[in-house]
Amino acid sequence: MKCRLLVCGFVLGSVTALLGGHALSQDHGDMDSAHMQRMMQLAEELATPGEAHKRLDYFVGEWDTSTIVMGMPSETGTQSIKWILGGRQLQSDVNGTLMGRPFEGFGLLGYDNYKKKYTSVWCDSQSTTLLTSEGLADQSGKVITLYGTMDEWMNDTHDKAVKYVYRIVDEDTYEFEIHDLGIVPGDTKVISMTATRKK
């Protein structure tokens, strides 16, 4: 008799646990569904280009460039900039000469809605390095300052702090600068480029 009661109690407890677990699973499932909807909505918002992206419209087009490296004579080139990925990233293709050698470069410039920062990626034909940086625009929206790191093979330095500056001068001219923040004291600007929109 005791054995039968124990068996009945065990079966009843197991059924109760299963039913309770099923109810909890349903509640958890409902919660997962609501959470997933919120996540999907947030993902869509973060993936949608906004006002910060519109400010980058200025750079779209064909440009003639003049570049100076550490006081050396200026060298000319061309730059083609267009939107890709539905207006999420600016793709920049650069051709010309740099330090007397043929030069080809590829870059991306965009705005990360989650980080709330401008972001950049750059690579070119004179190195095997992929450079990344991120930063902010000033209140006018005409100056974007990005910070990143780079390796300097000439003096075997790794992760040197670097600053990149985009400065809109007028409707058809902008300037780009690279600053070596390891130069202290002194002028940190090591590369400057002036881009003029082609007519």
N, C-alpha and C. Protein backbone atom coordinates (compact mmCIF):
# COMPACT_ATOMS: atom_id res chain seq x y z
N MET A 1 0.83 -1.21 0.00
CA MET A 1 0.00 0.00 0.00
C MET A 1 0.87 1.26 0.00
N LYS A 2 1.87 1.22 0.90
CA LYS A 2 2.77 2.36 0.96
C LYS A 2 3.47 2.56 -0.37
N CYS A 3 3.84 1.43 -0.96
CA CYS A 3 4.54 1.51 -2.25
C CYS A 3 3.64 2.12 -3.31
N ARG A 4 2.35 1.73 -3.30
CA ARG A 4 1.42 2.28 -4.28
C ARG A 4 1.23 3.77 -4.09
N LEU A 5 1.14 4.18 -2.81
CA LEU A 5 0.99 5.61 -2.52
C LEU A 5 2.23 6.40 -2.98
N LEU A 6 3.39 5.81 -2.77
CA LEU A 6 4.62 6.48 -3.18
C LEU A 6 4.67 6.65 -4.69
N VAL A 7 4.26 5.58 -5.41
CA VAL A 7 4.24 5.64 -6.86
C VAL A 7 3.26 6.70 -7.35
N CYS A 8 2.04 6.69 -6.74
CA CYS A 8 1.03 7.69 -7.12
C CYS A 8 1.53 9.12 -6.87
N GLY A 9 2.20 9.27 -5.69
CA GLY A 9 2.73 10.60 -5.38
C GLY A 9 3.80 11.04 -6.35
N PHE A 10 4.65 10.09 -6.73
CA PHE A 10 5.72 10.40 -7.68
C PHE A 10 5.14 10.79 -9.04
N VAL A 11 4.12 10.03 -9.49
CA VAL A 11 3.50 10.33 -10.79
C VAL A 11 2.82 11.68 -10.76
N LEU A 12 2.08 11.97 -9.65
CA LEU A 12 1.38 13.25 -9.53
C LEU A 12 2.37 14.41 -9.52
N GLY A 13 3.48 14.22 -8.79
CA GLY A 13 4.50 15.27 -8.74
C GLY A 13 5.14 15.50 -10.08
N SER A 14 5.38 14.42 -10.82
CA SER A 14 5.99 14.56 -12.13
C SER A 14 5.09 15.28 -13.11
N VAL A 15 3.75 14.91 -13.06
CA VAL A 15 2.78 15.57 -13.94
C VAL A 15 2.69 17.06 -13.61
N THR A 16 2.66 17.37 -12.32
CA THR A 16 2.59 18.78 -11.90
C THR A 16 3.81 19.55 -12.38
N ALA A 17 4.96 18.93 -12.23
CA ALA A 17 6.20 19.58 -12.67
C ALA A 17 6.20 19.82 -14.17
N LEU A 18 5.72 18.80 -14.91
CA LEU A 18 5.67 18.94 -16.37
C LEU A 18 4.71 20.04 -16.79
N LEU A 19 3.54 20.07 -16.15
CA LEU A 19 2.55 21.10 -16.49
C LEU A 19 3.07 22.48 -16.12
N GLY A 20 3.68 22.56 -14.93
CA GLY A 20 4.23 23.85 -14.51
C GLY A 20 5.34 24.29 -15.43
N GLY A 21 6.21 23.34 -15.82
CA GLY A 21 7.29 23.66 -16.72
C GLY A 21 6.78 24.11 -18.07
N HIS A 22 5.68 23.49 -18.53
CA HIS A 22 5.10 23.88 -19.81
C HIS A 22 4.57 25.31 -19.75
N ALA A 23 3.92 25.63 -18.61
CA ALA A 23 3.38 26.99 -18.44
C ALA A 23 4.52 28.01 -18.43
N LEU A 24 5.61 27.68 -17.69
CA LEU A 24 6.76 28.59 -17.66
C LEU A 24 7.38 28.74 -19.04
N SER A 25 7.42 27.62 -19.77
CA SER A 25 7.98 27.66 -21.12
C SER A 25 7.15 28.56 -22.02
N GLN A 26 5.80 28.50 -21.87
CA GLN A 26 4.94 29.36 -22.68
C GLN A 26 5.17 30.82 -22.34
N ASP A 27 5.27 31.13 -21.03
CA ASP A 27 5.53 32.51 -20.62
C ASP A 27 6.87 32.98 -21.17
N HIS A 28 7.87 32.11 -21.07
CA HIS A 28 9.21 32.46 -21.56
C HIS A 28 9.18 32.66 -23.07
N GLY A 29 8.39 31.83 -23.75
CA GLY A 29 8.27 31.97 -25.19
C GLY A 29 7.64 33.29 -25.57
N ASP A 30 6.58 33.68 -24.82
CA ASP A 30 5.95 34.97 -25.08
C ASP A 30 6.94 36.10 -24.84
N MET A 31 7.72 35.95 -23.77
CA MET A 31 8.70 36.97 -23.44
C MET A 31 9.77 37.05 -24.53
N ASP A 32 10.20 35.91 -25.03
CA ASP A 32 11.18 35.88 -26.10
C ASP A 32 10.65 36.56 -27.35
N SER A 33 9.37 36.34 -27.64
CA SER A 33 8.76 36.93 -28.82
C SER A 33 8.73 38.45 -28.73
N ALA A 34 8.33 38.96 -27.56
CA ALA A 34 8.29 40.41 -27.36
C ALA A 34 9.70 41.00 -27.41
N HIS A 35 10.63 40.29 -26.79
CA HIS A 35 12.02 40.75 -26.79
C HIS A 35 12.56 40.77 -28.21
N MET A 36 12.24 39.73 -28.98
CA MET A 36 12.72 39.65 -30.35
C MET A 36 12.16 40.79 -31.20
N GLN A 37 10.90 41.14 -30.98
CA GLN A 37 10.29 42.24 -31.72
C GLN A 37 11.01 43.55 -31.42
N ARG A 38 11.32 43.76 -30.12
CA ARG A 38 12.04 44.98 -29.74
C ARG A 38 13.43 45.01 -30.37
N MET A 39 14.09 43.86 -30.37
CA MET A 39 15.43 43.78 -30.95
C MET A 39 15.40 44.04 -32.46
N MET A 40 14.38 43.49 -33.14
CA MET A 40 14.25 43.71 -34.57
C MET A 40 14.00 45.17 -34.89
N GLN A 41 13.17 45.82 -34.06
CA GLN A 41 12.88 47.25 -34.26
C GLN A 41 14.14 48.09 -34.05
N LEU A 42 14.88 47.75 -32.98
CA LEU A 42 16.12 48.47 -32.70
C LEU A 42 17.14 48.26 -33.81
N ALA A 43 17.23 47.02 -34.31
CA ALA A 43 18.17 46.72 -35.39
C ALA A 43 17.85 47.53 -36.63
N GLU A 44 16.56 47.68 -36.92
CA GLU A 44 16.16 48.46 -38.10
C GLU A 44 16.50 49.93 -37.92
N GLU A 45 16.26 50.45 -36.71
CA GLU A 45 16.58 51.85 -36.44
C GLU A 45 18.08 52.10 -36.58
N LEU A 46 18.90 51.20 -36.03
CA LEU A 46 20.35 51.38 -36.06
C LEU A 46 20.92 51.21 -37.47
N ALA A 47 20.20 50.47 -38.31
CA ALA A 47 20.69 50.23 -39.67
C ALA A 47 20.22 51.27 -40.68
N THR A 48 19.37 52.21 -40.24
CA THR A 48 18.81 53.20 -41.14
C THR A 48 19.67 54.47 -41.17
N PRO A 49 20.16 54.88 -42.34
CA PRO A 49 20.95 56.12 -42.44
C PRO A 49 20.15 57.32 -41.93
N GLY A 50 20.83 58.22 -41.23
CA GLY A 50 20.16 59.38 -40.65
C GLY A 50 20.82 60.70 -41.03
N GLU A 51 20.61 61.70 -40.17
CA GLU A 51 21.13 63.04 -40.45
C GLU A 51 22.65 63.06 -40.55
N ALA A 52 23.31 62.27 -39.72
CA ALA A 52 24.78 62.26 -39.76
C ALA A 52 25.28 61.75 -41.10
N HIS A 53 24.55 60.81 -41.70
CA HIS A 53 24.93 60.32 -43.02
C HIS A 53 24.69 61.39 -44.09
N LYS A 54 23.60 62.13 -43.94
CA LYS A 54 23.28 63.17 -44.92
C LYS A 54 24.37 64.23 -44.99
N ARG A 55 25.03 64.49 -43.85
CA ARG A 55 26.11 65.48 -43.84
C ARG A 55 27.27 65.05 -44.75
N LEU A 56 27.39 63.75 -44.95
CA LEU A 56 28.47 63.23 -45.79
C LEU A 56 28.18 63.35 -47.28
N ASP A 57 26.95 63.71 -47.63
CA ASP A 57 26.59 63.90 -49.05
C ASP A 57 27.54 64.85 -49.74
N TYR A 58 28.05 65.81 -48.97
CA TYR A 58 28.96 66.81 -49.54
C TYR A 58 30.10 66.17 -50.32
N PHE A 59 30.63 65.07 -49.82
CA PHE A 59 31.85 64.48 -50.38
C PHE A 59 31.61 63.70 -51.67
N VAL A 60 30.37 63.39 -51.99
CA VAL A 60 30.08 62.59 -53.18
C VAL A 60 30.47 63.36 -54.44
N GLY A 61 31.20 62.70 -55.35
CA GLY A 61 31.56 63.34 -56.60
C GLY A 61 32.97 62.98 -57.04
N GLU A 62 33.45 63.74 -58.03
CA GLU A 62 34.78 63.55 -58.60
C GLU A 62 35.66 64.72 -58.18
N TRP A 63 36.88 64.42 -57.74
CA TRP A 63 37.76 65.44 -57.18
C TRP A 63 39.16 65.36 -57.78
N ASP A 64 39.80 66.53 -57.90
CA ASP A 64 41.23 66.61 -58.18
C ASP A 64 41.93 66.85 -56.84
N THR A 65 43.04 66.17 -56.62
CA THR A 65 43.71 66.29 -55.32
C THR A 65 45.15 66.78 -55.46
N SER A 66 45.59 67.47 -54.44
CA SER A 66 46.97 67.90 -54.32
C SER A 66 47.45 67.53 -52.92
N THR A 67 48.50 66.70 -52.83
CA THR A 67 48.92 66.15 -51.55
C THR A 67 50.36 66.53 -51.23
N ILE A 68 50.60 66.93 -50.00
CA ILE A 68 51.93 67.27 -49.52
C ILE A 68 52.29 66.35 -48.36
N VAL A 69 53.44 65.71 -48.46
CA VAL A 69 53.92 64.82 -47.39
C VAL A 69 55.13 65.46 -46.73
N MET A 70 54.97 65.86 -45.48
CA MET A 70 56.06 66.39 -44.67
C MET A 70 56.90 67.44 -45.40
N GLY A 71 56.22 68.40 -46.02
CA GLY A 71 56.90 69.52 -46.65
C GLY A 71 57.48 69.25 -48.01
N MET A 72 57.31 68.05 -48.53
CA MET A 72 57.83 67.73 -49.86
C MET A 72 56.96 68.41 -50.92
N PRO A 73 57.42 68.48 -52.19
CA PRO A 73 56.60 69.09 -53.24
C PRO A 73 55.25 68.39 -53.36
N SER A 74 54.23 69.15 -53.71
CA SER A 74 52.88 68.59 -53.81
C SER A 74 52.78 67.63 -54.99
N GLU A 75 51.94 66.63 -54.84
CA GLU A 75 51.71 65.64 -55.88
C GLU A 75 50.23 65.56 -56.17
N THR A 76 49.89 65.36 -57.42
CA THR A 76 48.48 65.42 -57.82
C THR A 76 47.89 64.02 -57.98
N GLY A 77 46.55 64.00 -57.94
CA GLY A 77 45.83 62.75 -58.11
C GLY A 77 44.36 63.02 -58.32
N THR A 78 43.58 61.98 -58.32
CA THR A 78 42.13 62.09 -58.45
C THR A 78 41.46 61.25 -57.38
N GLN A 79 40.24 61.64 -57.06
CA GLN A 79 39.47 60.91 -56.06
C GLN A 79 38.02 60.82 -56.52
N SER A 80 37.47 59.63 -56.45
CA SER A 80 36.07 59.39 -56.80
C SER A 80 35.35 58.87 -55.56
N ILE A 81 34.26 59.55 -55.18
CA ILE A 81 33.55 59.18 -53.95
C ILE A 81 32.08 58.93 -54.27
N LYS A 82 31.55 57.82 -53.78
CA LYS A 82 30.15 57.47 -54.02
C LYS A 82 29.58 56.74 -52.81
N TRP A 83 28.26 56.76 -52.72
CA TRP A 83 27.56 56.01 -51.67
C TRP A 83 27.48 54.54 -52.06
N ILE A 84 27.63 53.66 -51.08
CA ILE A 84 27.39 52.24 -51.29
C ILE A 84 26.53 51.72 -50.13
N LEU A 85 26.03 50.51 -50.27
CA LEU A 85 25.24 49.85 -49.22
C LEU A 85 24.04 50.70 -48.80
N GLY A 86 23.36 51.25 -49.81
CA GLY A 86 22.13 51.99 -49.52
C GLY A 86 22.34 53.27 -48.75
N GLY A 87 23.46 53.96 -49.01
CA GLY A 87 23.70 55.23 -48.33
C GLY A 87 24.26 55.09 -46.93
N ARG A 88 24.87 53.95 -46.65
CA ARG A 88 25.43 53.71 -45.32
C ARG A 88 26.93 54.00 -45.23
N GLN A 89 27.64 53.82 -46.34
CA GLN A 89 29.08 54.06 -46.35
C GLN A 89 29.46 54.82 -47.61
N LEU A 90 30.40 55.74 -47.46
CA LEU A 90 31.01 56.41 -48.62
C LEU A 90 32.23 55.61 -49.05
N GLN A 91 32.28 55.26 -50.31
CA GLN A 91 33.44 54.57 -50.86
C GLN A 91 34.30 55.58 -51.60
N SER A 92 35.58 55.62 -51.25
CA SER A 92 36.52 56.55 -51.86
C SER A 92 37.60 55.77 -52.61
N ASP A 93 37.79 56.11 -53.89
CA ASP A 93 38.85 55.51 -54.70
C ASP A 93 39.82 56.61 -55.12
N VAL A 94 41.08 56.45 -54.74
CA VAL A 94 42.09 57.48 -54.99
C VAL A 94 43.17 56.93 -55.92
N ASN A 95 43.59 57.75 -56.87
CA ASN A 95 44.67 57.38 -57.78
C ASN A 95 45.59 58.59 -57.97
N GLY A 96 46.87 58.33 -58.09
CA GLY A 96 47.82 59.42 -58.29
C GLY A 96 49.23 58.96 -57.99
N THR A 97 50.04 59.88 -57.48
CA THR A 97 51.39 59.54 -57.03
C THR A 97 51.56 60.03 -55.60
N LEU A 98 52.40 59.32 -54.85
CA LEU A 98 52.71 59.72 -53.48
C LEU A 98 54.18 59.40 -53.22
N MET A 99 54.94 60.43 -52.86
CA MET A 99 56.38 60.31 -52.64
C MET A 99 57.07 59.75 -53.88
N GLY A 100 56.58 60.20 -55.05
CA GLY A 100 57.20 59.85 -56.31
C GLY A 100 56.85 58.48 -56.85
N ARG A 101 55.93 57.78 -56.20
CA ARG A 101 55.56 56.44 -56.65
C ARG A 101 54.07 56.39 -56.97
N PRO A 102 53.66 55.51 -57.90
CA PRO A 102 52.23 55.36 -58.19
C PRO A 102 51.48 54.99 -56.92
N PHE A 103 50.29 55.55 -56.80
CA PHE A 103 49.53 55.36 -55.57
C PHE A 103 48.07 55.08 -55.88
N GLU A 104 47.54 54.06 -55.24
CA GLU A 104 46.12 53.72 -55.36
C GLU A 104 45.58 53.44 -53.95
N GLY A 105 44.47 54.07 -53.61
CA GLY A 105 43.92 53.90 -52.27
C GLY A 105 42.43 53.65 -52.29
N PHE A 106 41.96 52.99 -51.26
CA PHE A 106 40.55 52.65 -51.11
C PHE A 106 40.13 52.93 -49.67
N GLY A 107 39.02 53.65 -49.52
CA GLY A 107 38.58 53.96 -48.17
C GLY A 107 37.07 53.93 -48.02
N LEU A 108 36.63 53.76 -46.78
CA LEU A 108 35.22 53.84 -46.43
C LEU A 108 35.06 54.87 -45.32
N LEU A 109 34.04 55.69 -45.43
CA LEU A 109 33.72 56.67 -44.39
C LEU A 109 32.23 56.62 -44.14
N GLY A 110 31.85 56.44 -42.90
CA GLY A 110 30.43 56.34 -42.58
C GLY A 110 30.15 56.82 -41.17
N TYR A 111 28.93 56.54 -40.71
CA TYR A 111 28.54 56.92 -39.36
C TYR A 111 27.90 55.72 -38.70
N ASP A 112 28.39 55.37 -37.51
CA ASP A 112 27.88 54.23 -36.75
C ASP A 112 26.77 54.72 -35.82
N ASN A 113 25.53 54.37 -36.13
CA ASN A 113 24.40 54.84 -35.33
C ASN A 113 24.44 54.34 -33.90
N TYR A 114 25.03 53.18 -33.67
CA TYR A 114 25.11 52.63 -32.32
C TYR A 114 26.19 53.33 -31.50
N LYS A 115 27.36 53.49 -32.09
CA LYS A 115 28.44 54.19 -31.39
C LYS A 115 28.23 55.69 -31.35
N LYS A 116 27.40 56.19 -32.30
CA LYS A 116 27.21 57.63 -32.48
C LYS A 116 28.54 58.31 -32.79
N LYS A 117 29.28 57.67 -33.71
CA LYS A 117 30.56 58.20 -34.14
C LYS A 117 30.74 57.98 -35.64
N TYR A 118 31.54 58.87 -36.25
CA TYR A 118 31.96 58.64 -37.62
C TYR A 118 33.07 57.58 -37.60
N THR A 119 33.08 56.73 -38.61
CA THR A 119 34.06 55.65 -38.66
C THR A 119 34.70 55.61 -40.04
N SER A 120 35.94 55.13 -40.08
CA SER A 120 36.67 55.11 -41.34
C SER A 120 37.56 53.87 -41.42
N VAL A 121 37.71 53.38 -42.65
CA VAL A 121 38.65 52.30 -42.95
C VAL A 121 39.45 52.73 -44.18
N TRP A 122 40.76 52.44 -44.18
CA TRP A 122 41.60 52.85 -45.30
C TRP A 122 42.67 51.79 -45.59
N CYS A 123 42.93 51.57 -46.88
CA CYS A 123 44.06 50.74 -47.29
C CYS A 123 44.56 51.28 -48.62
N ASP A 124 45.83 50.99 -48.95
CA ASP A 124 46.38 51.51 -50.20
C ASP A 124 47.49 50.62 -50.73
N SER A 125 47.98 50.99 -51.92
CA SER A 125 48.94 50.16 -52.64
C SER A 125 50.37 50.29 -52.13
N GLN A 126 50.61 51.19 -51.17
CA GLN A 126 51.96 51.36 -50.65
C GLN A 126 52.17 50.70 -49.30
N SER A 127 51.20 49.88 -48.88
CA SER A 127 51.36 49.14 -47.63
C SER A 127 50.42 47.94 -47.62
N THR A 128 50.57 47.10 -46.62
CA THR A 128 49.64 45.98 -46.43
C THR A 128 48.79 46.22 -45.19
N THR A 129 48.75 47.46 -44.74
CA THR A 129 48.06 47.82 -43.50
C THR A 129 46.61 48.21 -43.76
N LEU A 130 45.74 47.83 -42.85
CA LEU A 130 44.35 48.28 -42.86
C LEU A 130 44.18 49.22 -41.68
N LEU A 131 43.92 50.48 -41.98
CA LEU A 131 43.81 51.50 -40.94
C LEU A 131 42.34 51.77 -40.60
N THR A 132 42.04 51.83 -39.33
CA THR A 132 40.69 52.15 -38.88
C THR A 132 40.73 53.33 -37.92
N SER A 133 39.66 54.08 -37.90
CA SER A 133 39.57 55.23 -37.00
C SER A 133 38.12 55.58 -36.74
N GLU A 134 37.88 56.36 -35.70
CA GLU A 134 36.53 56.82 -35.40
C GLU A 134 36.60 58.15 -34.67
N GLY A 135 35.51 58.92 -34.78
CA GLY A 135 35.52 60.23 -34.14
C GLY A 135 34.21 60.97 -34.32
N LEU A 136 34.27 62.29 -34.18
CA LEU A 136 33.07 63.12 -34.15
C LEU A 136 33.21 64.32 -35.08
N ALA A 137 32.07 64.92 -35.39
CA ALA A 137 32.05 66.19 -36.13
C ALA A 137 31.90 67.33 -35.13
N ASP A 138 32.39 68.51 -35.51
CA ASP A 138 32.19 69.66 -34.63
C ASP A 138 30.75 70.17 -34.79
N GLN A 139 30.40 71.21 -34.05
CA GLN A 139 29.02 71.70 -34.05
C GLN A 139 28.59 72.21 -35.42
N SER A 140 29.53 72.71 -36.20
CA SER A 140 29.18 73.22 -37.53
C SER A 140 28.91 72.08 -38.51
N GLY A 141 29.43 70.89 -38.21
CA GLY A 141 29.32 69.76 -39.12
C GLY A 141 30.31 69.82 -40.26
N LYS A 142 31.17 70.83 -40.27
CA LYS A 142 32.12 71.01 -41.37
C LYS A 142 33.50 70.44 -41.09
N VAL A 143 33.73 70.03 -39.86
CA VAL A 143 35.02 69.44 -39.49
C VAL A 143 34.76 68.11 -38.80
N ILE A 144 35.30 67.05 -39.36
CA ILE A 144 35.20 65.71 -38.77
C ILE A 144 36.59 65.29 -38.33
N THR A 145 36.74 64.95 -37.06
CA THR A 145 38.04 64.56 -36.51
C THR A 145 37.96 63.11 -36.05
N LEU A 146 38.85 62.29 -36.58
CA LEU A 146 38.88 60.87 -36.26
C LEU A 146 40.21 60.52 -35.61
N TYR A 147 40.18 59.51 -34.75
CA TYR A 147 41.40 59.05 -34.10
C TYR A 147 41.58 57.55 -34.32
N GLY A 148 42.83 57.15 -34.49
CA GLY A 148 43.13 55.73 -34.66
C GLY A 148 44.57 55.47 -34.30
N THR A 149 45.06 54.31 -34.69
CA THR A 149 46.46 53.96 -34.45
C THR A 149 47.08 53.44 -35.74
N MET A 150 48.40 53.49 -35.81
CA MET A 150 49.11 52.93 -36.96
C MET A 150 50.49 52.47 -36.50
N ASP A 151 51.07 51.58 -37.28
CA ASP A 151 52.43 51.12 -37.00
C ASP A 151 53.40 51.90 -37.89
N GLU A 152 54.53 52.26 -37.34
CA GLU A 152 55.55 53.01 -38.07
C GLU A 152 56.78 52.13 -38.24
N TRP A 153 56.90 51.54 -39.43
CA TRP A 153 57.99 50.59 -39.66
C TRP A 153 59.36 51.25 -39.68
N MET A 154 59.41 52.56 -40.00
CA MET A 154 60.70 53.23 -40.11
C MET A 154 61.43 53.31 -38.78
N ASN A 155 60.68 53.38 -37.68
CA ASN A 155 61.34 53.38 -36.37
C ASN A 155 60.80 52.26 -35.46
N ASP A 156 60.16 51.26 -36.10
CA ASP A 156 59.69 50.07 -35.40
C ASP A 156 58.77 50.42 -34.23
N THR A 157 57.80 51.32 -34.50
CA THR A 157 56.82 51.71 -33.48
C THR A 157 55.47 51.10 -33.82
N HIS A 158 54.82 50.53 -32.81
CA HIS A 158 53.52 49.92 -33.00
C HIS A 158 52.43 50.74 -32.30
N ASP A 159 51.26 50.77 -32.90
CA ASP A 159 50.07 51.41 -32.30
C ASP A 159 50.31 52.87 -31.95
N LYS A 160 50.91 53.58 -32.88
CA LYS A 160 51.12 55.02 -32.68
C LYS A 160 49.79 55.76 -32.86
N ALA A 161 49.52 56.71 -31.99
CA ALA A 161 48.26 57.48 -32.06
C ALA A 161 48.28 58.42 -33.26
N VAL A 162 47.19 58.41 -34.03
CA VAL A 162 47.08 59.22 -35.23
C VAL A 162 45.74 59.94 -35.24
N LYS A 163 45.74 61.16 -35.77
CA LYS A 163 44.51 61.94 -35.92
C LYS A 163 44.29 62.25 -37.39
N TYR A 164 43.03 62.09 -37.83
CA TYR A 164 42.64 62.41 -39.21
C TYR A 164 41.60 63.52 -39.17
N VAL A 165 41.75 64.51 -40.02
CA VAL A 165 40.82 65.64 -40.01
C VAL A 165 40.29 65.89 -41.42
N TYR A 166 38.96 65.90 -41.56
CA TYR A 166 38.29 66.34 -42.79
C TYR A 166 37.73 67.73 -42.51
N ARG A 167 38.08 68.70 -43.36
CA ARG A 167 37.63 70.08 -43.14
C ARG A 167 37.01 70.63 -44.43
N ILE A 168 35.72 70.93 -44.40
CA ILE A 168 35.04 71.51 -45.56
C ILE A 168 35.37 73.00 -45.62
N VAL A 169 35.99 73.42 -46.71
CA VAL A 169 36.40 74.82 -46.87
C VAL A 169 35.28 75.63 -47.53
N ASP A 170 34.76 75.12 -48.66
CA ASP A 170 33.63 75.75 -49.32
C ASP A 170 32.89 74.67 -50.11
N GLU A 171 31.99 75.08 -50.98
CA GLU A 171 31.15 74.12 -51.69
C GLU A 171 31.94 73.14 -52.54
N ASP A 172 33.11 73.57 -53.01
CA ASP A 172 33.88 72.74 -53.94
C ASP A 172 35.29 72.43 -53.47
N THR A 173 35.58 72.66 -52.21
CA THR A 173 36.94 72.41 -51.69
C THR A 173 36.87 71.83 -50.28
N TYR A 174 37.63 70.78 -50.07
CA TYR A 174 37.80 70.29 -48.70
C TYR A 174 39.25 69.89 -48.48
N GLU A 175 39.66 69.88 -47.23
CA GLU A 175 41.02 69.52 -46.86
C GLU A 175 41.01 68.26 -46.00
N PHE A 176 42.06 67.48 -46.16
CA PHE A 176 42.23 66.28 -45.34
C PHE A 176 43.63 66.28 -44.76
N GLU A 177 43.76 66.00 -43.47
CA GLU A 177 45.06 66.02 -42.81
C GLU A 177 45.27 64.73 -42.02
N ILE A 178 46.54 64.32 -41.95
CA ILE A 178 46.93 63.23 -41.07
C ILE A 178 47.96 63.78 -40.08
N HIS A 179 47.70 63.55 -38.80
CA HIS A 179 48.58 64.05 -37.74
C HIS A 179 49.20 62.89 -36.97
N ASP A 180 50.51 62.95 -36.81
CA ASP A 180 51.24 61.99 -35.98
C ASP A 180 51.29 62.57 -34.56
N LEU A 181 50.47 62.03 -33.67
CA LEU A 181 50.38 62.59 -32.32
C LEU A 181 51.58 62.24 -31.45
N GLY A 182 52.49 61.47 -31.99
CA GLY A 182 53.71 61.16 -31.26
C GLY A 182 54.77 62.25 -31.40
N ILE A 183 54.53 63.21 -32.29
CA ILE A 183 55.47 64.32 -32.47
C ILE A 183 55.18 65.37 -31.41
N VAL A 184 56.01 65.40 -30.37
CA VAL A 184 55.84 66.35 -29.28
C VAL A 184 57.21 66.85 -28.85
N PRO A 185 57.45 68.17 -28.81
CA PRO A 185 56.56 69.21 -29.34
C PRO A 185 56.76 69.35 -30.85
N GLY A 186 55.96 70.21 -31.46
CA GLY A 186 56.11 70.48 -32.88
C GLY A 186 54.82 70.30 -33.63
N ASP A 187 54.90 70.54 -34.94
CA ASP A 187 53.73 70.42 -35.80
C ASP A 187 53.46 68.94 -36.04
N THR A 188 52.30 68.47 -35.66
CA THR A 188 51.98 67.05 -35.79
C THR A 188 51.49 66.66 -37.19
N LYS A 189 51.21 67.65 -38.04
CA LYS A 189 50.69 67.37 -39.37
C LYS A 189 51.79 66.81 -40.27
N VAL A 190 51.56 65.58 -40.78
CA VAL A 190 52.57 64.95 -41.63
C VAL A 190 52.09 64.82 -43.08
N ILE A 191 50.80 64.78 -43.29
CA ILE A 191 50.24 64.72 -44.65
C ILE A 191 49.05 65.67 -44.73
N SER A 192 49.00 66.44 -45.82
CA SER A 192 47.85 67.30 -46.04
C SER A 192 47.42 67.16 -47.50
N MET A 193 46.12 67.10 -47.70
CA MET A 193 45.57 66.98 -49.05
C MET A 193 44.48 68.02 -49.24
N THR A 194 44.50 68.68 -50.38
CA THR A 194 43.42 69.59 -50.75
C THR A 194 42.69 68.98 -51.94
N ALA A 195 41.39 68.85 -51.82
CA ALA A 195 40.57 68.28 -52.90
C ALA A 195 39.67 69.35 -53.47
N THR A 196 39.68 69.45 -54.82
CA THR A 196 38.85 70.42 -55.53
C THR A 196 37.88 69.68 -56.43
N ARG A 197 36.60 70.01 -56.29
CA ARG A 197 35.58 69.30 -57.06
C ARG A 197 35.74 69.57 -58.55
N LYS A 198 35.66 68.50 -59.34
CA LYS A 198 35.74 68.65 -60.78
C LYS A 198 34.45 69.25 -61.31
N LYS A 199 34.56 70.15 -62.27
CA LYS A 199 33.40 70.80 -62.89
C LYS A 199 32.97 70.07 -64.15
